Amino acid sequence: AKTNMLTKQKFSFDSNGKLANCES
């Protein structure tokens, strides 16, 4: 379940639309 839920592309780290990430 973890693998299915946490590896979907839409929830990947840099592509998450909610997160305004920092540059460093």
mmCIF file of all heavy atoms, coordinates in Angstrom:
data_MODEL
# 
_entry.id   MODEL 
# 
loop_
_atom_site.group_PDB 
_atom_site.id 
_atom_site.type_symbol 
_atom_site.label_atom_id 
_atom_site.label_alt_id 
_atom_site.label_comp_id 
_atom_site.label_asym_id 
_atom_site.label_entity_id 
_atom_site.label_seq_id 
_atom_site.pdbx_PDB_ins_code 
_atom_site.Cartn_x 
_atom_site.Cartn_y 
_atom_site.Cartn_z 
_atom_site.occupancy 
_atom_site.B_iso_or_equiv 
_atom_site.pdbx_formal_charge 
_atom_site.auth_seq_id 
_atom_site.auth_comp_id 
_atom_site.auth_asym_id 
_atom_site.auth_atom_id 
_atom_site.pdbx_PDB_model_num 
ATOM 1   N N   . ALA A 1 1  ? 0.829  -1.209 0.000   1.00 0.00 ? 1  ALA A N   1 
ATOM 2   C CA  . ALA A 1 1  ? 0.000  0.000  0.000   1.00 0.00 ? 1  ALA A CA  1 
ATOM 3   C C   . ALA A 1 1  ? 0.861  1.254  0.000   1.00 0.00 ? 1  ALA A C   1 
ATOM 4   O O   . ALA A 1 1  ? 0.606  2.219  -0.707  1.00 0.00 ? 1  ALA A O   1 
ATOM 5   C CB  . ALA A 1 1  ? -0.926 0.001  1.219   1.00 0.00 ? 1  ALA A CB  1 
ATOM 6   N N   . LYS A 1 2  ? 1.932  1.191  0.795   1.00 0.00 ? 2  LYS A N   1 
ATOM 7   C CA  . LYS A 1 2  ? 2.848  2.322  0.905   1.00 0.00 ? 2  LYS A CA  1 
ATOM 8   C C   . LYS A 1 2  ? 3.496  2.617  -0.437  1.00 0.00 ? 2  LYS A C   1 
ATOM 9   O O   . LYS A 1 2  ? 3.569  3.752  -0.903  1.00 0.00 ? 2  LYS A O   1 
ATOM 10  C CB  . LYS A 1 2  ? 3.938  1.971  1.928   1.00 0.00 ? 2  LYS A CB  1 
ATOM 11  C CG  . LYS A 1 2  ? 4.222  3.048  2.949   1.00 0.00 ? 2  LYS A CG  1 
ATOM 12  C CD  . LYS A 1 2  ? 5.375  2.636  3.830   1.00 0.00 ? 2  LYS A CD  1 
ATOM 13  C CE  . LYS A 1 2  ? 4.977  1.631  4.879   1.00 0.00 ? 2  LYS A CE  1 
ATOM 14  N NZ  . LYS A 1 2  ? 6.067  1.322  5.809   1.00 0.00 ? 2  LYS A NZ  1 
ATOM 15  N N   . THR A 1 3  ? 3.959  1.540  -1.078  1.00 0.00 ? 3  THR A N   1 
ATOM 16  C CA  . THR A 1 3  ? 4.617  1.687  -2.383  1.00 0.00 ? 3  THR A CA  1 
ATOM 17  C C   . THR A 1 3  ? 3.661  2.301  -3.394  1.00 0.00 ? 3  THR A C   1 
ATOM 18  O O   . THR A 1 3  ? 4.006  3.227  -4.117  1.00 0.00 ? 3  THR A O   1 
ATOM 19  C CB  . THR A 1 3  ? 5.099  0.316  -2.888  1.00 0.00 ? 3  THR A CB  1 
ATOM 20  O OG1 . THR A 1 3  ? 5.964  -0.247 -1.909  1.00 0.00 ? 3  THR A OG1 1 
ATOM 21  C CG2 . THR A 1 3  ? 5.844  0.450  -4.206  1.00 0.00 ? 3  THR A CG2 1 
ATOM 22  N N   . ASN A 1 4  ? 2.414  1.815  -3.397  1.00 0.00 ? 4  ASN A N   1 
ATOM 23  C CA  . ASN A 1 4  ? 1.418  2.332  -4.339  1.00 0.00 ? 4  ASN A CA  1 
ATOM 24  C C   . ASN A 1 4  ? 1.096  3.797  -4.063  1.00 0.00 ? 4  ASN A C   1 
ATOM 25  O O   . ASN A 1 4  ? 0.999  4.615  -4.975  1.00 0.00 ? 4  ASN A O   1 
ATOM 26  C CB  . ASN A 1 4  ? 0.122  1.513  -4.260  1.00 0.00 ? 4  ASN A CB  1 
ATOM 27  C CG  . ASN A 1 4  ? 0.330  0.114  -4.793  1.00 0.00 ? 4  ASN A CG  1 
ATOM 28  O OD1 . ASN A 1 4  ? 1.235  -0.131 -5.577  1.00 0.00 ? 4  ASN A OD1 1 
ATOM 29  N ND2 . ASN A 1 4  ? -0.511 -0.821 -4.349  1.00 0.00 ? 4  ASN A ND2 1 
ATOM 30  N N   . MET A 1 5  ? 0.941  4.131  -2.783  1.00 0.00 ? 5  MET A N   1 
ATOM 31  C CA  . MET A 1 5  ? 0.478  5.474  -2.445  1.00 0.00 ? 5  MET A CA  1 
ATOM 32  C C   . MET A 1 5  ? 1.573  6.526  -2.508  1.00 0.00 ? 5  MET A C   1 
ATOM 33  O O   . MET A 1 5  ? 1.337  7.662  -2.880  1.00 0.00 ? 5  MET A O   1 
ATOM 34  C CB  . MET A 1 5  ? -0.123 5.472  -1.031  1.00 0.00 ? 5  MET A CB  1 
ATOM 35  C CG  . MET A 1 5  ? -1.441 4.754  -0.954  1.00 0.00 ? 5  MET A CG  1 
ATOM 36  S SD  . MET A 1 5  ? -2.032 4.713  0.740   1.00 0.00 ? 5  MET A SD  1 
ATOM 37  C CE  . MET A 1 5  ? -3.576 3.825  0.530   1.00 0.00 ? 5  MET A CE  1 
ATOM 38  N N   . LEU A 1 6  ? 2.780  6.143  -2.131  1.00 0.00 ? 6  LEU A N   1 
ATOM 39  C CA  . LEU A 1 6  ? 3.835  7.151  -1.987  1.00 0.00 ? 6  LEU A CA  1 
ATOM 40  C C   . LEU A 1 6  ? 4.721  7.290  -3.215  1.00 0.00 ? 6  LEU A C   1 
ATOM 41  O O   . LEU A 1 6  ? 5.586  8.151  -3.251  1.00 0.00 ? 6  LEU A O   1 
ATOM 42  C CB  . LEU A 1 6  ? 4.713  6.825  -0.763  1.00 0.00 ? 6  LEU A CB  1 
ATOM 43  C CG  . LEU A 1 6  ? 3.979  6.795  0.572   1.00 0.00 ? 6  LEU A CG  1 
ATOM 44  C CD1 . LEU A 1 6  ? 4.953  6.516  1.702   1.00 0.00 ? 6  LEU A CD1 1 
ATOM 45  C CD2 . LEU A 1 6  ? 3.260  8.102  0.829   1.00 0.00 ? 6  LEU A CD2 1 
ATOM 46  N N   . THR A 1 7  ? 4.529  6.436  -4.213  1.00 0.00 ? 7  THR A N   1 
ATOM 47  C CA  . THR A 1 7  ? 5.383  6.555  -5.399  1.00 0.00 ? 7  THR A CA  1 
ATOM 48  C C   . THR A 1 7  ? 4.621  7.056  -6.615  1.00 0.00 ? 7  THR A C   1 
ATOM 49  O O   . THR A 1 7  ? 5.178  7.119  -7.701  1.00 0.00 ? 7  THR A O   1 
ATOM 50  C CB  . THR A 1 7  ? 6.034  5.197  -5.738  1.00 0.00 ? 7  THR A CB  1 
ATOM 51  O OG1 . THR A 1 7  ? 5.004  4.225  -5.944  1.00 0.00 ? 7  THR A OG1 1 
ATOM 52  C CG2 . THR A 1 7  ? 6.958  4.744  -4.639  1.00 0.00 ? 7  THR A CG2 1 
ATOM 53  N N   . LYS A 1 8  ? 3.339  7.421  -6.432  1.00 0.00 ? 8  LYS A N   1 
ATOM 54  C CA  . LYS A 1 8  ? 2.604  7.991  -7.560  1.00 0.00 ? 8  LYS A CA  1 
ATOM 55  C C   . LYS A 1 8  ? 3.247  9.316  -7.948  1.00 0.00 ? 8  LYS A C   1 
ATOM 56  O O   . LYS A 1 8  ? 3.609  10.116 -7.091  1.00 0.00 ? 8  LYS A O   1 
ATOM 57  C CB  . LYS A 1 8  ? 1.145  8.225  -7.168  1.00 0.00 ? 8  LYS A CB  1 
ATOM 58  C CG  . LYS A 1 8  ? 0.361  6.924  -7.032  1.00 0.00 ? 8  LYS A CG  1 
ATOM 59  C CD  . LYS A 1 8  ? -1.068 7.206  -6.600  1.00 0.00 ? 8  LYS A CD  1 
ATOM 60  C CE  . LYS A 1 8  ? -1.834 5.903  -6.402  1.00 0.00 ? 8  LYS A CE  1 
ATOM 61  N NZ  . LYS A 1 8  ? -3.179 6.134  -5.886  1.00 0.00 ? 8  LYS A NZ  1 
ATOM 62  N N   . GLN A 1 9  ? 3.345  9.569  -9.240  1.00 0.00 ? 9  GLN A N   1 
ATOM 63  C CA  . GLN A 1 9  ? 4.059  10.748 -9.727  1.00 0.00 ? 9  GLN A CA  1 
ATOM 64  C C   . GLN A 1 9  ? 3.489  12.047 -9.156  1.00 0.00 ? 9  GLN A C   1 
ATOM 65  O O   . GLN A 1 9  ? 4.212  12.970 -8.837  1.00 0.00 ? 9  GLN A O   1 
ATOM 66  C CB  . GLN A 1 9  ? 4.008  10.788 -11.266 1.00 0.00 ? 9  GLN A CB  1 
ATOM 67  C CG  . GLN A 1 9  ? 4.879  11.872 -11.898 1.00 0.00 ? 9  GLN A CG  1 
ATOM 68  C CD  . GLN A 1 9  ? 6.349  11.703 -11.543 1.00 0.00 ? 9  GLN A CD  1 
ATOM 69  O OE1 . GLN A 1 9  ? 6.828  10.586 -11.429 1.00 0.00 ? 9  GLN A OE1 1 
ATOM 70  N NE2 . GLN A 1 9  ? 7.042  12.794 -11.324 1.00 0.00 ? 9  GLN A NE2 1 
ATOM 71  N N   . LYS A 1 10 ? 2.152  12.109 -9.029  1.00 0.00 ? 10 LYS A N   1 
ATOM 72  C CA  . LYS A 1 10 ? 1.562  13.375 -8.602  1.00 0.00 ? 10 LYS A CA  1 
ATOM 73  C C   . LYS A 1 10 ? 1.931  13.733 -7.160  1.00 0.00 ? 10 LYS A C   1 
ATOM 74  O O   . LYS A 1 10 ? 1.755  14.856 -6.722  1.00 0.00 ? 10 LYS A O   1 
ATOM 75  C CB  . LYS A 1 10 ? 0.046  13.355 -8.749  1.00 0.00 ? 10 LYS A CB  1 
ATOM 76  C CG  . LYS A 1 10 ? -0.681 12.387 -7.837  1.00 0.00 ? 10 LYS A CG  1 
ATOM 77  C CD  . LYS A 1 10 ? -2.185 12.537 -8.015  1.00 0.00 ? 10 LYS A CD  1 
ATOM 78  C CE  . LYS A 1 10 ? -2.942 11.611 -7.083  1.00 0.00 ? 10 LYS A CE  1 
ATOM 79  N NZ  . LYS A 1 10 ? -4.390 11.829 -7.159  1.00 0.00 ? 10 LYS A NZ  1 
ATOM 80  N N   . PHE A 1 11 ? 2.445  12.750 -6.402  1.00 0.00 ? 11 PHE A N   1 
ATOM 81  C CA  . PHE A 1 11 ? 2.863  13.066 -5.046  1.00 0.00 ? 11 PHE A CA  1 
ATOM 82  C C   . PHE A 1 11 ? 4.377  13.089 -4.900  1.00 0.00 ? 11 PHE A C   1 
ATOM 83  O O   . PHE A 1 11 ? 4.894  13.070 -3.807  1.00 0.00 ? 11 PHE A O   1 
ATOM 84  C CB  . PHE A 1 11 ? 2.276  12.055 -4.050  1.00 0.00 ? 11 PHE A CB  1 
ATOM 85  C CG  . PHE A 1 11 ? 0.802  12.184 -3.886  1.00 0.00 ? 11 PHE A CG  1 
ATOM 86  C CD1 . PHE A 1 11 ? -0.035 11.167 -4.304  1.00 0.00 ? 11 PHE A CD1 1 
ATOM 87  C CD2 . PHE A 1 11 ? 0.251  13.329 -3.347  1.00 0.00 ? 11 PHE A CD2 1 
ATOM 88  C CE1 . PHE A 1 11 ? -1.397 11.282 -4.168  1.00 0.00 ? 11 PHE A CE1 1 
ATOM 89  C CE2 . PHE A 1 11 ? -1.110 13.450 -3.211  1.00 0.00 ? 11 PHE A CE2 1 
ATOM 90  C CZ  . PHE A 1 11 ? -1.941 12.431 -3.620  1.00 0.00 ? 11 PHE A CZ  1 
ATOM 91  N N   . SER A 1 12 ? 5.094  13.109 -6.016  1.00 0.00 ? 12 SER A N   1 
ATOM 92  C CA  . SER A 1 12 ? 6.551  13.154 -5.908  1.00 0.00 ? 12 SER A CA  1 
ATOM 93  C C   . SER A 1 12 ? 6.971  14.505 -5.359  1.00 0.00 ? 12 SER A C   1 
ATOM 94  O O   . SER A 1 12 ? 6.232  15.484 -5.413  1.00 0.00 ? 12 SER A O   1 
ATOM 95  C CB  . SER A 1 12 ? 7.207  12.896 -7.270  1.00 0.00 ? 12 SER A CB  1 
ATOM 96  O OG  . SER A 1 12 ? 6.943  13.977 -8.127  1.00 0.00 ? 12 SER A OG  1 
ATOM 97  N N   . PHE A 1 13 ? 8.185  14.573 -4.865  1.00 0.00 ? 13 PHE A N   1 
ATOM 98  C CA  . PHE A 1 13 ? 8.639  15.719 -4.071  1.00 0.00 ? 13 PHE A CA  1 
ATOM 99  C C   . PHE A 1 13 ? 8.558  17.044 -4.823  1.00 0.00 ? 13 PHE A C   1 
ATOM 100 O O   . PHE A 1 13 ? 7.894  17.975 -4.425  1.00 0.00 ? 13 PHE A O   1 
ATOM 101 C CB  . PHE A 1 13 ? 10.069 15.447 -3.609  1.00 0.00 ? 13 PHE A CB  1 
ATOM 102 C CG  . PHE A 1 13 ? 10.688 16.584 -2.847  1.00 0.00 ? 13 PHE A CG  1 
ATOM 103 C CD1 . PHE A 1 13 ? 10.099 17.044 -1.682  1.00 0.00 ? 13 PHE A CD1 1 
ATOM 104 C CD2 . PHE A 1 13 ? 11.840 17.179 -3.295  1.00 0.00 ? 13 PHE A CD2 1 
ATOM 105 C CE1 . PHE A 1 13 ? 10.662 18.081 -0.975  1.00 0.00 ? 13 PHE A CE1 1 
ATOM 106 C CE2 . PHE A 1 13 ? 12.397 18.207 -2.591  1.00 0.00 ? 13 PHE A CE2 1 
ATOM 107 C CZ  . PHE A 1 13 ? 11.815 18.665 -1.427  1.00 0.00 ? 13 PHE A CZ  1 
ATOM 108 N N   . ASP A 1 14 ? 9.211  17.132 -5.979  1.00 0.00 ? 14 ASP A N   1 
ATOM 109 C CA  . ASP A 1 14 ? 9.306  18.414 -6.640  1.00 0.00 ? 14 ASP A CA  1 
ATOM 110 C C   . ASP A 1 14 ? 8.086  18.770 -7.474  1.00 0.00 ? 14 ASP A C   1 
ATOM 111 O O   . ASP A 1 14 ? 7.901  19.910 -7.836  1.00 0.00 ? 14 ASP A O   1 
ATOM 112 C CB  . ASP A 1 14 ? 10.567 18.463 -7.529  1.00 0.00 ? 14 ASP A CB  1 
ATOM 113 C CG  . ASP A 1 14 ? 11.831 18.587 -6.676  1.00 0.00 ? 14 ASP A CG  1 
ATOM 114 O OD1 . ASP A 1 14 ? 11.812 19.409 -5.757  1.00 0.00 ? 14 ASP A OD1 1 
ATOM 115 O OD2 . ASP A 1 14 ? 12.795 17.851 -6.918  1.00 0.00 ? 14 ASP A OD2 1 
ATOM 116 N N   . SER A 1 15 ? 7.264  17.773 -7.801  1.00 0.00 ? 15 SER A N   1 
ATOM 117 C CA  . SER A 1 15 ? 6.118  18.069 -8.659  1.00 0.00 ? 15 SER A CA  1 
ATOM 118 C C   . SER A 1 15 ? 4.860  18.381 -7.856  1.00 0.00 ? 15 SER A C   1 
ATOM 119 O O   . SER A 1 15 ? 3.819  18.629 -8.431  1.00 0.00 ? 15 SER A O   1 
ATOM 120 C CB  . SER A 1 15 ? 5.839  16.868 -9.578  1.00 0.00 ? 15 SER A CB  1 
ATOM 121 O OG  . SER A 1 15 ? 5.425  15.756 -8.797  1.00 0.00 ? 15 SER A OG  1 
ATOM 122 N N   . ASN A 1 16 ? 4.960  18.371 -6.514  1.00 0.00 ? 16 ASN A N   1 
ATOM 123 C CA  . ASN A 1 16 ? 3.783  18.660 -5.701  1.00 0.00 ? 16 ASN A CA  1 
ATOM 124 C C   . ASN A 1 16 ? 3.429  20.141 -5.798  1.00 0.00 ? 16 ASN A C   1 
ATOM 125 O O   . ASN A 1 16 ? 4.190  21.001 -5.385  1.00 0.00 ? 16 ASN A O   1 
ATOM 126 C CB  . ASN A 1 16 ? 4.081  18.270 -4.247  1.00 0.00 ? 16 ASN A CB  1 
ATOM 127 C CG  . ASN A 1 16 ? 2.940  18.651 -3.327  1.00 0.00 ? 16 ASN A CG  1 
ATOM 128 O OD1 . ASN A 1 16 ? 1.848  18.945 -3.786  1.00 0.00 ? 16 ASN A OD1 1 
ATOM 129 N ND2 . ASN A 1 16 ? 3.202  18.649 -2.042  1.00 0.00 ? 16 ASN A ND2 1 
ATOM 130 N N   . GLY A 1 17 ? 2.250  20.428 -6.339  1.00 0.00 ? 17 GLY A N   1 
ATOM 131 C CA  . GLY A 1 17 ? 1.868  21.812 -6.570  1.00 0.00 ? 17 GLY A CA  1 
ATOM 132 C C   . GLY A 1 17 ? 1.720  22.631 -5.300  1.00 0.00 ? 17 GLY A C   1 
ATOM 133 O O   . GLY A 1 17 ? 1.840  23.844 -5.327  1.00 0.00 ? 17 GLY A O   1 
ATOM 134 N N   . LYS A 1 18 ? 1.446  21.979 -4.166  1.00 0.00 ? 18 LYS A N   1 
ATOM 135 C CA  . LYS A 1 18 ? 1.252  22.729 -2.924  1.00 0.00 ? 18 LYS A CA  1 
ATOM 136 C C   . LYS A 1 18 ? 2.564  23.273 -2.371  1.00 0.00 ? 18 LYS A C   1 
ATOM 137 O O   . LYS A 1 18 ? 2.605  24.327 -1.767  1.00 0.00 ? 18 LYS A O   1 
ATOM 138 C CB  . LYS A 1 18 ? 0.610  21.827 -1.864  1.00 0.00 ? 18 LYS A CB  1 
ATOM 139 C CG  . LYS A 1 18 ? -0.822 21.427 -2.166  1.00 0.00 ? 18 LYS A CG  1 
ATOM 140 C CD  . LYS A 1 18 ? -1.354 20.592 -1.025  1.00 0.00 ? 18 LYS A CD  1 
ATOM 141 C CE  . LYS A 1 18 ? -2.796 20.189 -1.280  1.00 0.00 ? 18 LYS A CE  1 
ATOM 142 N NZ  . LYS A 1 18 ? -3.325 19.411 -0.151  1.00 0.00 ? 18 LYS A NZ  1 
ATOM 143 N N   . LEU A 1 19 ? 3.624  22.524 -2.538  1.00 0.00 ? 19 LEU A N   1 
ATOM 144 C CA  . LEU A 1 19 ? 4.898  22.884 -1.918  1.00 0.00 ? 19 LEU A CA  1 
ATOM 145 C C   . LEU A 1 19 ? 5.619  23.962 -2.715  1.00 0.00 ? 19 LEU A C   1 
ATOM 146 O O   . LEU A 1 19 ? 5.908  23.790 -3.894  1.00 0.00 ? 19 LEU A O   1 
ATOM 147 C CB  . LEU A 1 19 ? 5.791  21.645 -1.798  1.00 0.00 ? 19 LEU A CB  1 
ATOM 148 C CG  . LEU A 1 19 ? 7.195  21.893 -1.239  1.00 0.00 ? 19 LEU A CG  1 
ATOM 149 C CD1 . LEU A 1 19 ? 7.123  22.252 0.239   1.00 0.00 ? 19 LEU A CD1 1 
ATOM 150 C CD2 . LEU A 1 19 ? 8.086  20.675 -1.442  1.00 0.00 ? 19 LEU A CD2 1 
ATOM 151 N N   . ALA A 1 20 ? 5.908  25.081 -2.057  1.00 0.00 ? 20 ALA A N   1 
ATOM 152 C CA  . ALA A 1 20 ? 6.797  26.088 -2.643  1.00 0.00 ? 20 ALA A CA  1 
ATOM 153 C C   . ALA A 1 20 ? 8.169  25.814 -2.057  1.00 0.00 ? 20 ALA A C   1 
ATOM 154 O O   . ALA A 1 20 ? 8.482  26.227 -0.937  1.00 0.00 ? 20 ALA A O   1 
ATOM 155 C CB  . ALA A 1 20 ? 6.316  27.487 -2.299  1.00 0.00 ? 20 ALA A CB  1 
ATOM 156 N N   . ASN A 1 21 ? 8.989  25.064 -2.798  1.00 0.00 ? 21 ASN A N   1 
ATOM 157 C CA  . ASN A 1 21 ? 10.256 24.594 -2.242  1.00 0.00 ? 21 ASN A CA  1 
ATOM 158 C C   . ASN A 1 21 ? 11.303 25.704 -2.243  1.00 0.00 ? 21 ASN A C   1 
ATOM 159 O O   . ASN A 1 21 ? 11.170 26.716 -2.927  1.00 0.00 ? 21 ASN A O   1 
ATOM 160 C CB  . ASN A 1 21 ? 10.758 23.389 -3.050  1.00 0.00 ? 21 ASN A CB  1 
ATOM 161 C CG  . ASN A 1 21 ? 11.721 22.547 -2.244  1.00 0.00 ? 21 ASN A CG  1 
ATOM 162 O OD1 . ASN A 1 21 ? 11.850 22.734 -1.034  1.00 0.00 ? 21 ASN A OD1 1 
ATOM 163 N ND2 . ASN A 1 21 ? 12.395 21.624 -2.895  1.00 0.00 ? 21 ASN A ND2 1 
ATOM 164 N N   . CYS A 1 22 ? 12.361 25.498 -1.474  1.00 0.00 ? 22 CYS A N   1 
ATOM 165 C CA  . CYS A 1 22 ? 13.466 26.462 -1.464  1.00 0.00 ? 22 CYS A CA  1 
ATOM 166 C C   . CYS A 1 22 ? 14.506 26.028 -2.499  1.00 0.00 ? 22 CYS A C   1 
ATOM 167 O O   . CYS A 1 22 ? 14.509 24.886 -2.961  1.00 0.00 ? 22 CYS A O   1 
ATOM 168 C CB  . CYS A 1 22 ? 14.079 26.555 -0.068  1.00 0.00 ? 22 CYS A CB  1 
ATOM 169 S SG  . CYS A 1 22 ? 14.546 24.980 0.668   1.00 0.00 ? 22 CYS A SG  1 
ATOM 170 N N   . GLU A 1 23 ? 15.407 26.941 -2.819  1.00 0.00 ? 23 GLU A N   1 
ATOM 171 C CA  . GLU A 1 23 ? 16.386 26.664 -3.871  1.00 0.00 ? 23 GLU A CA  1 
ATOM 172 C C   . GLU A 1 23 ? 17.549 25.820 -3.366  1.00 0.00 ? 23 GLU A C   1 
ATOM 173 O O   . GLU A 1 23 ? 18.074 24.979 -4.077  1.00 0.00 ? 23 GLU A O   1 
ATOM 174 C CB  . GLU A 1 23 ? 16.905 27.993 -4.446  1.00 0.00 ? 23 GLU A CB  1 
ATOM 175 C CG  . GLU A 1 23 ? 15.827 28.780 -5.176  1.00 0.00 ? 23 GLU A CG  1 
ATOM 176 C CD  . GLU A 1 23 ? 16.270 30.190 -5.540  1.00 0.00 ? 23 GLU A CD  1 
ATOM 177 O OE1 . GLU A 1 23 ? 17.502 30.425 -5.595  1.00 0.00 ? 23 GLU A OE1 1 
ATOM 178 O OE2 . GLU A 1 23 ? 15.406 31.048 -5.773  1.00 0.00 ? 23 GLU A OE2 1 
ATOM 179 N N   . SER A 1 24 ? 17.953 26.033 -2.130  1.00 0.00 ? 24 SER A N   1 
ATOM 180 C CA  . SER A 1 24 ? 19.091 25.299 -1.573  1.00 0.00 ? 24 SER A CA  1 
ATOM 181 C C   . SER A 1 24 ? 18.726 23.835 -1.366  1.00 0.00 ? 24 SER A C   1 
ATOM 182 O O   . SER A 1 24 ? 17.579 23.498 -1.058  1.00 0.00 ? 24 SER A O   1 
ATOM 183 C CB  . SER A 1 24 ? 19.522 25.914 -0.242  1.00 0.00 ? 24 SER A CB  1 
ATOM 184 O OG  . SER A 1 24 ? 20.504 25.103 0.378   1.00 0.00 ? 24 SER A OG  1 
# 
